[in-house]
PDB file of N, CA and C in Angstrom:
ATOM      1  N   MET A   1       0.806  -1.187   0.000  1.00  0.00           N
ATOM      2  CA  MET A   1       0.000   0.000   0.000  1.00  0.00           C
ATOM      3  C   MET A   1       0.858   1.265   0.000  1.00  0.00           C
ATOM      4  N   ILE A   2       1.969   1.209   0.700  1.00  0.00           N
ATOM      5  CA  ILE A   2       2.863   2.367   0.757  1.00  0.00           C
ATOM      6  C   ILE A   2       3.471   2.609  -0.619  1.00  0.00           C
ATOM      7  N   GLU A   3       3.829   1.518  -1.294  1.00  0.00           N
ATOM      8  CA  GLU A   3       4.386   1.672  -2.636  1.00  0.00           C
ATOM      9  C   GLU A   3       3.346   2.257  -3.587  1.00  0.00           C
ATOM     10  N   SER A   4       2.128   1.853  -3.437  1.00  0.00           N
ATOM     11  CA  SER A   4       1.047   2.358  -4.267  1.00  0.00           C
ATOM     12  C   SER A   4       0.842   3.846  -4.006  1.00  0.00           C
ATOM     13  N   THR A   5       0.898   4.279  -2.755  1.00  0.00           N
ATOM     14  CA  THR A   5       0.724   5.687  -2.410  1.00  0.00           C
ATOM     15  C   THR A   5       1.897   6.507  -2.942  1.00  0.00           C
ATOM     16  N   ALA A   6       3.101   5.966  -2.829  1.00  0.00           N
ATOM     17  CA  ALA A   6       4.283   6.672  -3.338  1.00  0.00           C
ATOM     18  C   ALA A   6       4.208   6.809  -4.856  1.00  0.00           C
ATOM     19  N   ALA A   7       3.749   5.776  -5.527  1.00  0.00           N
ATOM     20  CA  ALA A   7       3.628   5.821  -6.984  1.00  0.00           C
ATOM     21  C   ALA A   7       2.579   6.849  -7.400  1.00  0.00           C
ATOM     22  N   LYS A   8       1.458   6.877  -6.662  1.00  0.00           N
ATOM     23  CA  LYS A   8       0.412   7.856  -6.978  1.00  0.00           C
ATOM     24  C   LYS A   8       0.901   9.274  -6.706  1.00  0.00           C
ATOM     25  N   THR A   9       1.653   9.458  -5.636  1.00  0.00           N
ATOM     26  CA  THR A   9       2.189  10.782  -5.316  1.00  0.00           C
ATOM     27  C   THR A   9       3.166  11.223  -6.412  1.00  0.00           C
ATOM     28  N   LEU A  10       3.990  10.300  -6.844  1.00  0.00           N
ATOM     29  CA  LEU A  10       4.930  10.600  -7.923  1.00  0.00           C
ATOM     30  C   LEU A  10       4.183  10.968  -9.203  1.00  0.00           C
ATOM     31  N   GLN A  11       3.113  10.244  -9.502  1.00  0.00           N
ATOM     32  CA  GLN A  11       2.315  10.541 -10.690  1.00  0.00           C
ATOM     33  C   GLN A  11       1.697  11.938 -10.598  1.00  0.00           C
ATOM     34  N   VAL A  12       1.196  12.279  -9.401  1.00  0.00           N
ATOM     35  CA  VAL A  12       0.584  13.597  -9.198  1.00  0.00           C
ATOM     36  C   VAL A  12       1.636  14.694  -9.360  1.00  0.00           C
ATOM     37  N   VAL A  13       2.828  14.456  -8.800  1.00  0.00           N
ATOM     38  CA  VAL A  13       3.902  15.451  -8.913  1.00  0.00           C
ATOM     39  C   VAL A  13       4.302  15.632 -10.382  1.00  0.00           C
ATOM     40  N   VAL A  14       4.454  14.537 -11.102  1.00  0.00           N
ATOM     41  CA  VAL A  14       4.802  14.610 -12.524  1.00  0.00           C
ATOM     42  C   VAL A  14       3.701  15.333 -13.292  1.00  0.00           C
ATOM     43  N   LEU A  15       2.458  15.038 -12.980  1.00  0.00           N
ATOM     44  CA  LEU A  15       1.339  15.698 -13.636  1.00  0.00           C
ATOM     45  C   LEU A  15       1.352  17.191 -13.363  1.00  0.00           C
ATOM     46  N   TRP A  16       1.602  17.602 -12.117  1.00  0.00           N
ATOM     47  CA  TRP A  16       1.651  19.021 -11.759  1.00  0.00           C
ATOM     48  C   TRP A  16       2.803  19.724 -12.482  1.00  0.00           C
ATOM     49  N   ILE A  17       3.937  19.083 -12.548  1.00  0.00           N
ATOM     50  CA  ILE A  17       5.074  19.678 -13.260  1.00  0.00           C
ATOM     51  C   ILE A  17       4.742  19.842 -14.741  1.00  0.00           C
ATOM     52  N   THR A  18       4.083  18.834 -15.318  1.00  0.00           N
ATOM     53  CA  THR A  18       3.679  18.908 -16.723  1.00  0.00           C
ATOM     54  C   THR A  18       2.700  20.056 -16.952  1.00  0.00           C
ATOM     55  N   VAL A  19       1.738  20.206 -16.021  1.00  0.00           N
ATOM     56  CA  VAL A  19       0.758  21.291 -16.138  1.00  0.00           C
ATOM     57  C   VAL A  19       1.462  22.646 -16.035  1.00  0.00           C
ATOM     58  N   LEU A  20       2.393  22.788 -15.102  1.00  0.00           N
ATOM     59  CA  LEU A  20       3.096  24.060 -14.941  1.00  0.00           C
ATOM     60  C   LEU A  20       3.961  24.385 -16.171  1.00  0.00           C
ATOM     61  N   VAL A  21       4.653  23.382 -16.685  1.00  0.00           N
ATOM     62  CA  VAL A  21       5.463  23.602 -17.888  1.00  0.00           C
ATOM     63  C   VAL A  21       4.569  23.981 -19.065  1.00  0.00           C
ATOM     64  N   SER A  22       3.446  23.319 -19.179  1.00  0.00           N
ATOM     65  CA  SER A  22       2.503  23.628 -20.249  1.00  0.00           C
ATOM     66  C   SER A  22       1.972  25.055 -20.117  1.00  0.00           C
ATOM     67  N   ALA A  23       1.640  25.462 -18.889  1.00  0.00           N
ATOM     68  CA  ALA A  23       1.139  26.824 -18.657  1.00  0.00           C
ATOM     69  C   ALA A  23       2.207  27.865 -18.998  1.00  0.00           C
ATOM     70  N   MET A  24       3.445  27.605 -18.648  1.00  0.00           N
ATOM     71  CA  MET A  24       4.534  28.525 -18.962  1.00  0.00           C
ATOM     72  C   MET A  24       4.739  28.607 -20.479  1.00  0.00           C
ATOM     73  N   ALA A  25       4.627  27.476 -21.142  1.00  0.00           N
ATOM     74  CA  ALA A  25       4.781  27.458 -22.603  1.00  0.00           C
ATOM     75  C   ALA A  25       3.663  28.257 -23.273  1.00  0.00           C
ATOM     76  N   VAL A  26       2.446  28.130 -22.782  1.00  0.00           N
ATOM     77  CA  VAL A  26       1.324  28.888 -23.345  1.00  0.00           C
ATOM     78  C   VAL A  26       1.539  30.379 -23.145  1.00  0.00           C
ATOM     79  N   ALA A  27       1.981  30.773 -21.956  1.00  0.00           N
ATOM     80  CA  ALA A  27       2.234  32.190 -21.688  1.00  0.00           C
ATOM     81  C   ALA A  27       3.342  32.726 -22.597  1.00  0.00           C
ATOM     82  N   TYR A  28       4.404  31.954 -22.773  1.00  0.00           N
ATOM     83  CA  TYR A  28       5.511  32.383 -23.623  1.00  0.00           C
ATOM     84  C   TYR A  28       5.082  32.513 -25.081  1.00  0.00           C
ATOM     85  N   VAL A  29       4.354  31.521 -25.569  1.00  0.00           N
ATOM     86  CA  VAL A  29       3.907  31.561 -26.962  1.00  0.00           C
ATOM     87  C   VAL A  29       2.943  32.725 -27.180  1.00  0.00           C
ATOM     88  N   SER A  30       2.092  33.013 -26.215  1.00  0.00           N
ATOM     89  CA  SER A  30       1.189  34.166 -26.332  1.00  0.00           C
ATOM     90  C   SER A  30       1.986  35.461 -26.398  1.00  0.00           C
ATOM     91  N   HIS A  31       3.011  35.564 -25.588  1.00  0.00           N
ATOM     92  CA  HIS A  31       3.868  36.755 -25.582  1.00  0.00           C
ATOM     93  C   HIS A  31       4.563  36.922 -26.940  1.00  0.00           C
ATOM     94  N   VAL A  32       5.127  35.851 -27.465  1.00  0.00           N
ATOM     95  CA  VAL A  32       5.808  35.905 -28.763  1.00  0.00           C
ATOM     96  C   VAL A  32       4.809  36.264 -29.868  1.00  0.00           C
ATOM     97  N   CYS A  33       3.615  35.712 -29.778  1.00  0.00           N
ATOM     98  CA  CYS A  33       2.578  35.998 -30.773  1.00  0.00           C
ATOM     99  C   CYS A  33       2.229  37.487 -30.760  1.00  0.00           C
ATOM    100  N   ARG A  34       2.090  38.081 -29.586  1.00  0.00           N
ATOM    101  CA  ARG A  34       1.795  39.517 -29.498  1.00  0.00           C
ATOM    102  C   ARG A  34       2.931  40.345 -30.071  1.00  0.00           C
ATOM    103  N   GLN A  35       4.171  39.949 -29.796  1.00  0.00           N
ATOM    104  CA  GLN A  35       5.317  40.678 -30.344  1.00  0.00           C
ATOM    105  C   GLN A  35       5.309  40.618 -31.871  1.00  0.00           C
ATOM    106  N   LYS A  36       5.073  39.452 -32.411  1.00  0.00           N
ATOM    107  CA  LYS A  36       5.058  39.294 -33.867  1.00  0.00           C
ATOM    108  C   LYS A  36       3.904  40.068 -34.496  1.00  0.00           C
ATOM    109  N   TYR A  37       2.763  40.112 -33.819  1.00  0.00           N
ATOM    110  CA  TYR A  37       1.628  40.867 -34.336  1.00  0.00           C
ATOM    111  C   TYR A  37       1.947  42.363 -34.328  1.00  0.00           C
ATOM    112  N   ASP A  38       2.611  42.843 -33.277  1.00  0.00           N
ATOM    113  CA  ASP A  38       3.034  44.239 -33.236  1.00  0.00           C
ATOM    114  C   ASP A  38       3.994  44.549 -34.383  1.00  0.00           C
ATOM    115  N   GLN A  39       4.922  43.641 -34.653  1.00  0.00           N
ATOM    116  CA  GLN A  39       5.846  43.832 -35.770  1.00  0.00           C
ATOM    117  C   GLN A  39       5.085  43.869 -37.096  1.00  0.00           C
ATOM    118  N   LEU A  40       4.119  42.987 -37.238  1.00  0.00           N
ATOM    119  CA  LEU A  40       3.323  42.943 -38.463  1.00  0.00           C
ATOM    120  C   LEU A  40       2.578  44.255 -38.673  1.00  0.00           C
ATOM    121  N   THR A  41       1.920  44.763 -37.643  1.00  0.00           N
ATOM    122  CA  THR A  41       1.179  46.014 -37.805  1.00  0.00           C
ATOM    123  C   THR A  41       2.121  47.180 -38.102  1.00  0.00           C
ATOM    124  N   ALA A  42       3.312  47.186 -37.489  1.00  0.00           N
ATOM    125  CA  ALA A  42       4.283  48.246 -37.776  1.00  0.00           C
ATOM    126  C   ALA A  42       4.731  48.168 -39.235  1.00  0.00           C
ATOM    127  N   LEU A  43       4.975  46.966 -39.734  1.00  0.00           N
ATOM    128  CA  LEU A  43       5.387  46.805 -41.129  1.00  0.00           C
ATOM    129  C   LEU A  43       4.254  47.172 -42.090  1.00  0.00           C
ATOM    130  N   GLU A  44       3.017  46.860 -41.723  1.00  0.00           N
ATOM    131  CA  GLU A  44       1.882  47.244 -42.572  1.00  0.00           C
ATOM    132  C   GLU A  44       1.746  48.763 -42.619  1.00  0.00           C
ATOM    133  N   ARG A  45       1.943  49.428 -41.461  1.00  0.00           N
ATOM    134  CA  ARG A  45       1.908  50.887 -41.429  1.00  0.00           C
ATOM    135  C   ARG A  45       2.998  51.475 -42.337  1.00  0.00           C
ATOM    136  N   GLU A  46       4.194  50.922 -42.229  1.00  0.00           N
ATOM    137  CA  GLU A  46       5.300  51.388 -43.063  1.00  0.00           C
ATOM    138  C   GLU A  46       5.003  51.149 -44.537  1.00  0.00           C
ATOM    139  N   ASN A  47       4.412  50.007 -44.858  1.00  0.00           N
ATOM    140  CA  ASN A  47       4.039  49.702 -46.238  1.00  0.00           C
ATOM    141  C   ASN A  47       3.047  50.729 -46.768  1.00  0.00           C
ATOM    142  N   ASN A  48       2.062  51.066 -45.965  1.00  0.00           N
ATOM    143  CA  ASN A  48       1.069  52.060 -46.389  1.00  0.00           C
ATOM    144  C   ASN A  48       1.734  53.416 -46.634  1.00  0.00           C
ATOM    145  N   GLN A  49       2.649  53.812 -45.746  1.00  0.00           N
ATOM    146  CA  GLN A  49       3.343  55.087 -45.918  1.00  0.00           C
ATOM    147  C   GLN A  49       4.196  55.078 -47.180  1.00  0.00           C
ATOM    148  N   LEU A  50       4.853  53.956 -47.438  1.00  0.00           N
ATOM    149  CA  LEU A  50       5.671  53.857 -48.645  1.00  0.00           C
ATOM    150  C   LEU A  50       4.811  53.891 -49.907  1.00  0.00           C
ATOM    151  N   GLN A  51       3.634  53.280 -49.853  1.00  0.00           N
ATOM    152  CA  GLN A  51       2.745  53.317 -51.019  1.00  0.00           C
ATOM    153  C   GLN A  51       2.258  54.742 -51.282  1.00  0.00           C
ATOM    154  N   VAL A  52       1.957  55.488 -50.211  1.00  0.00           N
ATOM    155  CA  VAL A  52       1.550  56.890 -50.375  1.00  0.00           C
ATOM    156  C   VAL A  52       2.695  57.696 -50.976  1.00  0.00           C
ATOM    157  N   ALA A  53       3.906  57.496 -50.460  1.00  0.00           N
ATOM    158  CA  ALA A  53       5.069  58.213 -50.983  1.00  0.00           C
ATOM    159  C   ALA A  53       5.313  57.857 -52.445  1.00  0.00           C
ATOM    160  N   TYR A  54       5.138  56.591 -52.803  1.00  0.00           N
ATOM    161  CA  TYR A  54       5.336  56.165 -54.189  1.00  0.00           C
ATOM    162  C   TYR A  54       4.291  56.812 -55.100  1.00  0.00           C
ATOM    163  N   GLY A  55       3.057  56.887 -54.627  1.00  0.00           N
ATOM    164  CA  GLY A  55       2.010  57.554 -55.405  1.00  0.00           C
ATOM    165  C   GLY A  55       2.337  59.017 -55.634  1.00  0.00           C
ATOM    166  N   LYS A  56       2.843  59.697 -54.593  1.00  0.00           N
ATOM    167  CA  LYS A  56       3.242  61.102 -54.740  1.00  0.00           C
ATOM    168  C   LYS A  56       4.399  61.220 -55.725  1.00  0.00           C
ATOM    169  N   TYR A  57       5.327  60.282 -55.645  1.00  0.00           N
ATOM    170  CA  TYR A  57       6.465  60.285 -56.569  1.00  0.00           C
ATOM    171  C   TYR A  57       5.988  60.136 -58.015  1.00  0.00           C
ATOM    172  N   LEU A  58       5.051  59.226 -58.246  1.00  0.00           N
ATOM    173  CA  LEU A  58       4.540  59.041 -59.609  1.00  0.00           C
ATOM    174  C   LEU A  58       3.848  60.302 -60.118  1.00  0.00           C
ATOM    175  N   LEU A  59       3.091  60.970 -59.235  1.00  0.00           N
ATOM    176  CA  LEU A  59       2.438  62.206 -59.641  1.00  0.00           C
ATOM    177  C   LEU A  59       3.469  63.283 -59.964  1.00  0.00           C
ATOM    178  N   GLU A  60       4.498  63.375 -59.124  1.00  0.00           N
ATOM    179  CA  GLU A  60       5.537  64.372 -59.360  1.00  0.00           C
ATOM    180  C   GLU A  60       6.285  64.076 -60.659  1.00  0.00           C
ATOM    181  N   GLN A  61       6.596  62.814 -60.881  1.00  0.00           N
ATOM    182  CA  GLN A  61       7.290  62.424 -62.115  1.00  0.00           C
ATOM    183  C   GLN A  61       6.426  62.752 -63.328  1.00  0.00           C
ATOM    184  N   SER A  62       5.141  62.504 -63.213  1.00  0.00           N
ATOM    185  CA  SER A  62       4.224  62.816 -64.308  1.00  0.00           C
ATOM    186  C   SER A  62       4.187  64.319 -64.568  1.00  0.00           C
ATOM    187  N   ALA A  63       4.184  65.106 -63.493  1.00  0.00           N
ATOM    188  CA  ALA A  63       4.144  66.563 -63.651  1.00  0.00           C
ATOM    189  C   ALA A  63       5.433  67.079 -64.286  1.00  0.00           C
ATOM    190  N   TRP A  64       6.569  66.535 -63.889  1.00  0.00           N
ATOM    191  CA  TRP A  64       7.849  67.000 -64.437  1.00  0.00           C
ATOM    192  C   TRP A  64       7.976  66.645 -65.919  1.00  0.00           C
ATOM    193  N   GLY A  65       7.373  65.584 -66.322  1.00  0.00           N
ATOM    194  CA  GLY A  65       7.503  65.149 -67.711  1.00  0.00           C
ATOM    195  C   GLY A  65       6.349  65.562 -68.597  1.00  0.00           C
ATOM    196  N   SER A  66       5.461  66.411 -68.087  1.00  0.00           N
ATOM    197  CA  SER A  66       4.300  66.781 -68.898  1.00  0.00           C
ATOM    198  C   SER A  66       4.740  67.574 -70.130  1.00  0.00           C
ATOM    199  N   LEU A  67       4.014  67.415 -71.216  1.00  0.00           N
ATOM    200  CA  LEU A  67       4.354  68.051 -72.481  1.00  0.00           C
ATOM    201  C   LEU A  67       4.345  69.570 -72.343  1.00  0.00           C
ATOM    202  N   GLN A  68       3.377  70.095 -71.621  1.00  0.00           N
ATOM    203  CA  GLN A  68       3.277  71.542 -71.454  1.00  0.00           C
ATOM    204  C   GLN A  68       4.498  72.092 -70.714  1.00  0.00           C
ATOM    205  N   ARG A  69       4.951  71.398 -69.695  1.00  0.00           N
ATOM    206  CA  ARG A  69       6.111  71.862 -68.930  1.00  0.00           C
ATOM    207  C   ARG A  69       7.376  71.809 -69.784  1.00  0.00           C
ATOM    208  N   VAL A  70       7.546  70.730 -70.539  1.00  0.00           N
ATOM    209  CA  VAL A  70       8.717  70.609 -71.412  1.00  0.00           C
ATOM    210  C   VAL A  70       8.698  71.714 -72.464  1.00  0.00           C
ATOM    211  N   GLU A  71       7.537  71.972 -73.025  1.00  0.00           N
ATOM    212  CA  GLU A  71       7.429  73.018 -74.042  1.00  0.00           C
ATOM    213  C   GLU A  71       7.725  74.391 -73.456  1.00  0.00           C
ATOM    214  N   THR A  72       7.212  74.660 -72.271  1.00  0.00           N
ATOM    215  CA  THR A  72       7.468  75.948 -71.611  1.00  0.00           C
ATOM    216  C   THR A  72       8.950  76.112 -71.305  1.00  0.00           C
ATOM    217  N   MET A  73       9.586  75.060 -70.804  1.00  0.00           N
ATOM    218  CA  MET A  73      11.017  75.147 -70.508  1.00  0.00           C
ATOM    219  C   MET A  73      11.825  75.346 -71.781  1.00  0.00           C
ATOM    220  N   ALA A  74      11.438  74.705 -72.863  1.00  0.00           N
ATOM    221  CA  ALA A  74      12.149  74.868 -74.131  1.00  0.00           C
ATOM    222  C   ALA A  74      12.021  76.294 -74.633  1.00  0.00           C
ATOM    223  N   MET A  75      10.848  76.868 -74.507  1.00  0.00           N
ATOM    224  CA  MET A  75      10.635  78.244 -74.974  1.00  0.00           C
ATOM    225  C   MET A  75      11.395  79.242 -74.106  1.00  0.00           C
ATOM    226  N   GLU A  76      11.295  79.068 -72.782  1.00  0.00           N
ATOM    227  CA  GLU A  76      11.904  80.046 -71.878  1.00  0.00           C
ATOM    228  C   GLU A  76      13.401  79.824 -71.701  1.00  0.00           C
ATOM    229  N   GLY A  77      13.793  78.589 -71.468  1.00  0.00           N
ATOM    230  CA  GLY A  77      15.192  78.317 -71.154  1.00  0.00           C
ATOM    231  C   GLY A  77      16.097  78.228 -72.358  1.00  0.00           C
ATOM    232  N   LEU A  78      15.587  77.702 -73.463  1.00  0.00           N
ATOM    233  CA  LEU A  78      16.432  77.491 -74.641  1.00  0.00           C
ATOM    234  C   LEU A  78      16.039  78.380 -75.811  1.00  0.00           C
ATOM    235  N   ASP A  79      15.069  79.238 -75.599  1.00  0.00           N
ATOM    236  CA  ASP A  79      14.595  80.163 -76.626  1.00  0.00           C
ATOM    237  C   ASP A  79      14.184  79.413 -77.889  1.00  0.00           C
ATOM    238  N   MET A  80      13.459  78.313 -77.697  1.00  0.00           N
ATOM    239  CA  MET A  80      12.980  77.523 -78.823  1.00  0.00           C
ATOM    240  C   MET A  80      11.531  77.895 -79.125  1.00  0.00           C
ATOM    241  N   HIS A  81      11.072  77.581 -80.314  1.00  0.00           N
ATOM    242  CA  HIS A  81       9.682  77.831 -80.695  1.00  0.00           C
ATOM    243  C   HIS A  81       9.222  76.759 -81.670  1.00  0.00           C
ATOM    244  N   SER A  82       7.926  76.664 -81.835  1.00  0.00           N
ATOM    245  CA  SER A  82       7.382  75.728 -82.820  1.00  0.00           C
ATOM    246  C   SER A  82       7.639  76.309 -84.206  1.00  0.00           C
ATOM    247  N   PRO A  83       8.033  75.506 -85.155  1.00  0.00           N
ATOM    248  CA  PRO A  83       8.356  76.046 -86.486  1.00  0.00           C
ATOM    249  C   PRO A  83       7.100  76.522 -87.226  1.00  0.00           C
ATOM    250  N   GLN A  84       7.290  77.550 -88.004  1.00  0.00           N
ATOM    251  CA  GLN A  84       6.224  78.052 -88.874  1.00  0.00           C
ATOM    252  C   GLN A  84       6.173  77.130 -90.105  1.00  0.00           C
ATOM    253  N   PRO A  85       5.060  77.088 -90.777  1.00  0.00           N
ATOM    254  CA  PRO A  85       4.968  76.195 -91.949  1.00  0.00           C
ATOM    255  C   PRO A  85       6.066  76.443 -92.986  1.00  0.00           C
ATOM    256  N   GLN A  86       6.483  77.694 -93.183  1.00  0.00           N
ATOM    257  CA  GLN A  86       7.529  77.973 -94.166  1.00  0.00           C
ATOM    258  C   GLN A  86       8.917  77.545 -93.677  1.00  0.00           C
ATOM    259  N   GLU A  87       9.065  77.262 -92.390  1.00  0.00           N
ATOM    260  CA  GLU A  87      10.355  76.831 -91.840  1.00  0.00           C
ATOM    261  C   GLU A  87      10.532  75.305 -91.899  1.00  0.00           C
ATOM    262  N   ILE A  88       9.473  74.595 -92.243  1.00  0.00           N
ATOM    263  CA  ILE A  88       9.521  73.130 -92.272  1.00  0.00           C
ATOM    264  C   ILE A  88      10.095  72.686 -93.626  1.00  0.00           C
ATOM    265  N   ILE A  89      11.101  71.817 -93.573  1.00  0.00           N
ATOM    266  CA  ILE A  89      11.723  71.287 -94.780  1.00  0.00           C
ATOM    267  C   ILE A  89      11.497  69.792 -94.807  1.00  0.00           C
ATOM    268  N   MET A  90      10.961  69.307 -95.874  1.00  0.00           N
ATOM    269  CA  MET A  90      10.712  67.879 -96.046  1.00  0.00           C
ATOM    270  C   MET A  90      11.920  67.258 -96.715  1.00  0.00           C
ATOM    271  N   VAL A  91      12.421  66.193 -96.161  1.00  0.00           N
ATOM    272  CA  VAL A  91      13.592  65.514 -96.733  1.00  0.00           C
ATOM    273  C   VAL A  91      13.114  64.147 -97.268  1.00  0.00           C
ATOM    274  N   LYS A  92      13.406  63.893 -98.523  1.00  0.00           N
ATOM    275  CA  LYS A  92      13.012  62.634 -99.137  1.00  0.00           C
ATOM    276  C   LYS A  92      14.245  61.779 -99.321  1.00  0.00           C
ATOM    277  N   GLN A  93      14.102  60.506 -99.121  1.00  0.00           N
ATOM    278  CA  GLN A  93      15.237  59.586 -99.269  1.00  0.00           C
ATOM    279  C   GLN A  93      15.231  58.931-100.617  1.00  0.00           C
TER     280      GLN A  93
END
């Protein structure tokens, strides 16, 4: 009977240790999960900011390359103009 009680006590102790280790593992995994979720949301925020910046960049690039702006710069900066019909020369090969 004493051996049976000792065996049962040992089983209970092993079970309690298993439960405590399991509880610690759950707490740790929950903590890691929260950290990873925080990292994910920070990266998503950064992604959104980068997409906004890229959109602004595309708009700016479009504005810099617009035909009207190029024509204005050519007229003002290089003193260029559109040719008159009598200034156009047709070259035949």
